[in-house]
C-alpha atoms as a PDB file:
ATOM      1  CA  MET A   1     -25.957  25.941  29.658  1.00  0.00           C
ATOM      2  CA  ALA A   2     -24.902  29.399  28.643  1.00  0.00           C
ATOM      3  CA  GLY A   3     -21.352  30.407  29.395  1.00  0.00           C
ATOM      4  CA  ARG A   4     -19.964  27.317  31.115  1.00  0.00           C
ATOM      5  CA  SER A   5     -20.568  24.331  28.931  1.00  0.00           C
ATOM      6  CA  ARG A   6     -19.030  21.032  29.897  1.00  0.00           C
ATOM      7  CA  ASN A   7     -18.450  20.345  26.220  1.00  0.00           C
ATOM      8  CA  VAL A   8     -14.664  20.250  26.226  1.00  0.00           C
ATOM      9  CA  SER A   9     -13.056  18.879  23.095  1.00  0.00           C
ATOM     10  CA  VAL A  10      -9.671  17.431  24.068  1.00  0.00           C
ATOM     11  CA  SER A  11      -6.841  17.820  21.562  1.00  0.00           C
ATOM     12  CA  GLU A  12      -3.050  18.011  21.782  1.00  0.00           C
ATOM     13  CA  THR A  13      -3.290  21.778  22.285  1.00  0.00           C
ATOM     14  CA  SER A  14      -5.699  21.485  25.237  1.00  0.00           C
ATOM     15  CA  ARG A  15      -4.423  22.334  28.707  1.00  0.00           C
ATOM     16  CA  PRO A  16      -6.533  20.037  30.898  1.00  0.00           C
ATOM     17  CA  VAL A  17      -7.095  20.649  34.577  1.00  0.00           C
ATOM     18  CA  LEU A  18      -9.476  19.317  37.198  1.00  0.00           C
ATOM     19  CA  PRO A  19     -12.361  21.727  37.763  1.00  0.00           C
ATOM     20  CA  ARG A  20     -12.491  23.651  41.050  1.00  0.00           C
ATOM     21  CA  HIS A  21     -15.068  21.283  42.500  1.00  0.00           C
ATOM     22  CA  ALA A  22     -12.941  18.141  41.894  1.00  0.00           C
ATOM     23  CA  LYS A  23      -9.812  17.034  43.753  1.00  0.00           C
ATOM     24  CA  LEU A  24      -7.392  14.186  43.073  1.00  0.00           C
ATOM     25  CA  LYS A  25      -6.559  12.703  46.472  1.00  0.00           C
ATOM     26  CA  PHE A  26      -5.032   9.536  47.872  1.00  0.00           C
ATOM     27  CA  ASP A  27      -7.587   7.681  50.006  1.00  0.00           C
ATOM     28  CA  GLU A  28      -5.531   6.349  52.922  1.00  0.00           C
ATOM     29  CA  THR A  29      -8.286   4.008  54.060  1.00  0.00           C
ATOM     30  CA  ARG A  30      -8.676   2.223  50.732  1.00  0.00           C
ATOM     31  CA  GLN A  31      -5.081   2.838  49.590  1.00  0.00           C
ATOM     32  CA  VAL A  32      -6.228   4.119  46.188  1.00  0.00           C
ATOM     33  CA  TRP A  33      -6.285   7.438  44.343  1.00  0.00           C
ATOM     34  CA  VAL A  34      -9.723   8.975  43.880  1.00  0.00           C
ATOM     35  CA  ILE A  35     -11.221  12.029  42.255  1.00  0.00           C
ATOM     36  CA  LEU A  36     -13.591  13.636  44.732  1.00  0.00           C
ATOM     37  CA  ALA A  37     -16.395  15.817  43.438  1.00  0.00           C
ATOM     38  CA  PRO A  38     -19.672  16.851  45.053  1.00  0.00           C
ATOM     39  CA  GLU A  39     -21.711  13.680  45.540  1.00  0.00           C
ATOM     40  CA  ARG A  40     -19.372  11.734  43.247  1.00  0.00           C
ATOM     41  CA  VAL A  41     -16.203   9.695  43.619  1.00  0.00           C
ATOM     42  CA  LEU A  42     -14.177   8.189  40.801  1.00  0.00           C
ATOM     43  CA  ALA A  43     -11.322   5.712  41.328  1.00  0.00           C
ATOM     44  CA  PRO A  44      -9.050   5.997  38.267  1.00  0.00           C
ATOM     45  CA  ASP A  45      -6.525   3.263  37.496  1.00  0.00           C
ATOM     46  CA  GLU A  46      -2.750   3.759  37.973  1.00  0.00           C
ATOM     47  CA  ILE A  47      -2.131   5.024  34.459  1.00  0.00           C
ATOM     48  CA  ALA A  48      -5.030   7.476  34.633  1.00  0.00           C
ATOM     49  CA  VAL A  49      -3.691   8.786  37.965  1.00  0.00           C
ATOM     50  CA  GLU A  50      -0.279   9.377  36.389  1.00  0.00           C
ATOM     51  CA  VAL A  51      -1.869  11.297  33.514  1.00  0.00           C
ATOM     52  CA  LEU A  52      -4.140  13.272  35.861  1.00  0.00           C
ATOM     53  CA  GLN A  53      -1.172  14.297  38.002  1.00  0.00           C
ATOM     54  CA  LEU A  54       0.245  15.963  34.868  1.00  0.00           C
ATOM     55  CA  CYS A  55      -3.021  17.829  34.181  1.00  0.00           C
ATOM     56  CA  ASP A  56      -2.070  21.032  35.942  1.00  0.00           C
ATOM     57  CA  GLY A  57      -3.534  23.537  33.476  1.00  0.00           C
ATOM     58  CA  LEU A  58      -0.019  24.577  32.460  1.00  0.00           C
ATOM     59  CA  ARG A  59       1.018  21.594  30.343  1.00  0.00           C
ATOM     60  CA  ASN A  60      -0.817  20.891  27.144  1.00  0.00           C
ATOM     61  CA  VAL A  61      -1.827  17.382  26.104  1.00  0.00           C
ATOM     62  CA  GLU A  62       1.031  17.273  23.585  1.00  0.00           C
ATOM     63  CA  GLY A  63       3.537  17.810  26.417  1.00  0.00           C
ATOM     64  CA  ILE A  64       1.878  15.173  28.582  1.00  0.00           C
ATOM     65  CA  ILE A  65       2.018  12.649  25.726  1.00  0.00           C
ATOM     66  CA  ASP A  66       5.675  13.470  24.993  1.00  0.00           C
ATOM     67  CA  GLN A  67       6.580  13.062  28.669  1.00  0.00           C
ATOM     68  CA  LEU A  68       4.835   9.673  28.930  1.00  0.00           C
ATOM     69  CA  ALA A  69       6.298   8.431  25.635  1.00  0.00           C
ATOM     70  CA  ALA A  70       9.804   9.307  26.841  1.00  0.00           C
ATOM     71  CA  LYS A  71       9.277   7.829  30.305  1.00  0.00           C
ATOM     72  CA  TYR A  72       7.970   4.508  28.991  1.00  0.00           C
ATOM     73  CA  ALA A  73       9.979   4.429  25.728  1.00  0.00           C
ATOM     74  CA  ALA A  74       6.656   3.816  24.010  1.00  0.00           C
ATOM     75  CA  GLU A  75       5.339   4.645  20.558  1.00  0.00           C
ATOM     76  CA  ARG A  76       3.900   8.163  20.719  1.00  0.00           C
ATOM     77  CA  GLY A  77       0.929   7.456  18.435  1.00  0.00           C
ATOM     78  CA  ALA A  78      -0.473   4.743  20.700  1.00  0.00           C
ATOM     79  CA  ILE A  79       0.005   6.851  23.816  1.00  0.00           C
ATOM     80  CA  SER A  80      -1.571   9.848  22.100  1.00  0.00           C
ATOM     81  CA  ALA A  81      -4.739   7.979  21.163  1.00  0.00           C
ATOM     82  CA  ASP A  82      -5.118   6.471  24.647  1.00  0.00           C
ATOM     83  CA  VAL A  83      -4.426   9.705  26.544  1.00  0.00           C
ATOM     84  CA  ILE A  84      -6.777  11.805  24.421  1.00  0.00           C
ATOM     85  CA  ALA A  85      -9.555   9.178  24.684  1.00  0.00           C
ATOM     86  CA  MET A  86      -9.154   8.937  28.471  1.00  0.00           C
ATOM     87  CA  LEU A  87      -9.092  12.718  28.960  1.00  0.00           C
ATOM     88  CA  GLN A  88     -12.094  13.169  26.679  1.00  0.00           C
ATOM     89  CA  ASP A  89     -14.038  10.564  28.672  1.00  0.00           C
ATOM     90  CA  LEU A  90     -13.227  12.379  31.931  1.00  0.00           C
ATOM     91  CA  ALA A  91     -14.159  15.733  30.383  1.00  0.00           C
ATOM     92  CA  ASP A  92     -17.473  14.310  29.151  1.00  0.00           C
ATOM     93  CA  LYS A  93     -18.233  13.152  32.715  1.00  0.00           C
ATOM     94  CA  GLY A  94     -17.397  16.586  34.170  1.00  0.00           C
ATOM     95  CA  PHE A  95     -14.172  15.511  35.904  1.00  0.00           C
ATOM     96  CA  LEU A  96     -11.902  17.571  33.644  1.00  0.00           C
ATOM     97  CA  THR A  97     -11.999  21.000  32.083  1.00  0.00           C
ATOM     98  CA  GLU A  98      -9.804  23.239  29.965  1.00  0.00           C
ATOM     99  CA  ALA A  99      -7.507  25.769  31.609  1.00  0.00           C
ATOM    100  CA  ARG A 100      -8.367  29.296  30.584  1.00  0.00           C
ATOM    101  CA  GLU A 101      -6.020  32.230  30.430  1.00  0.00           C
ATOM    102  CA  ARG A 102      -6.580  34.450  33.412  1.00  0.00           C
ATOM    103  CA  THR A 103      -6.683  38.205  32.947  1.00  0.00           C
ATOM    104  CA  SER A 104      -5.846  40.474  35.834  1.00  0.00           C
END
């Protein structure tokens, strides 16, 4: 897999984003959020959907964790471990990648 490895290592400095082939959409029929990818569908839970909605390629994981910790008045360390583990799992399955700087 030269060039485009799926091996993304998620850290607080990562800027996660869904890859081009994947879309986070609300399924009106089932009334659930899903990630649609070619020949694959994933139905993340409510918390995962909230995190994924923040994965815009602009925010880094540190910012996402800080935002969630403030919103839920929760201990940052616990949120950090859970968010990084969840994002790493999605990256390992090909549902998340790292935003790259674009050059014009």
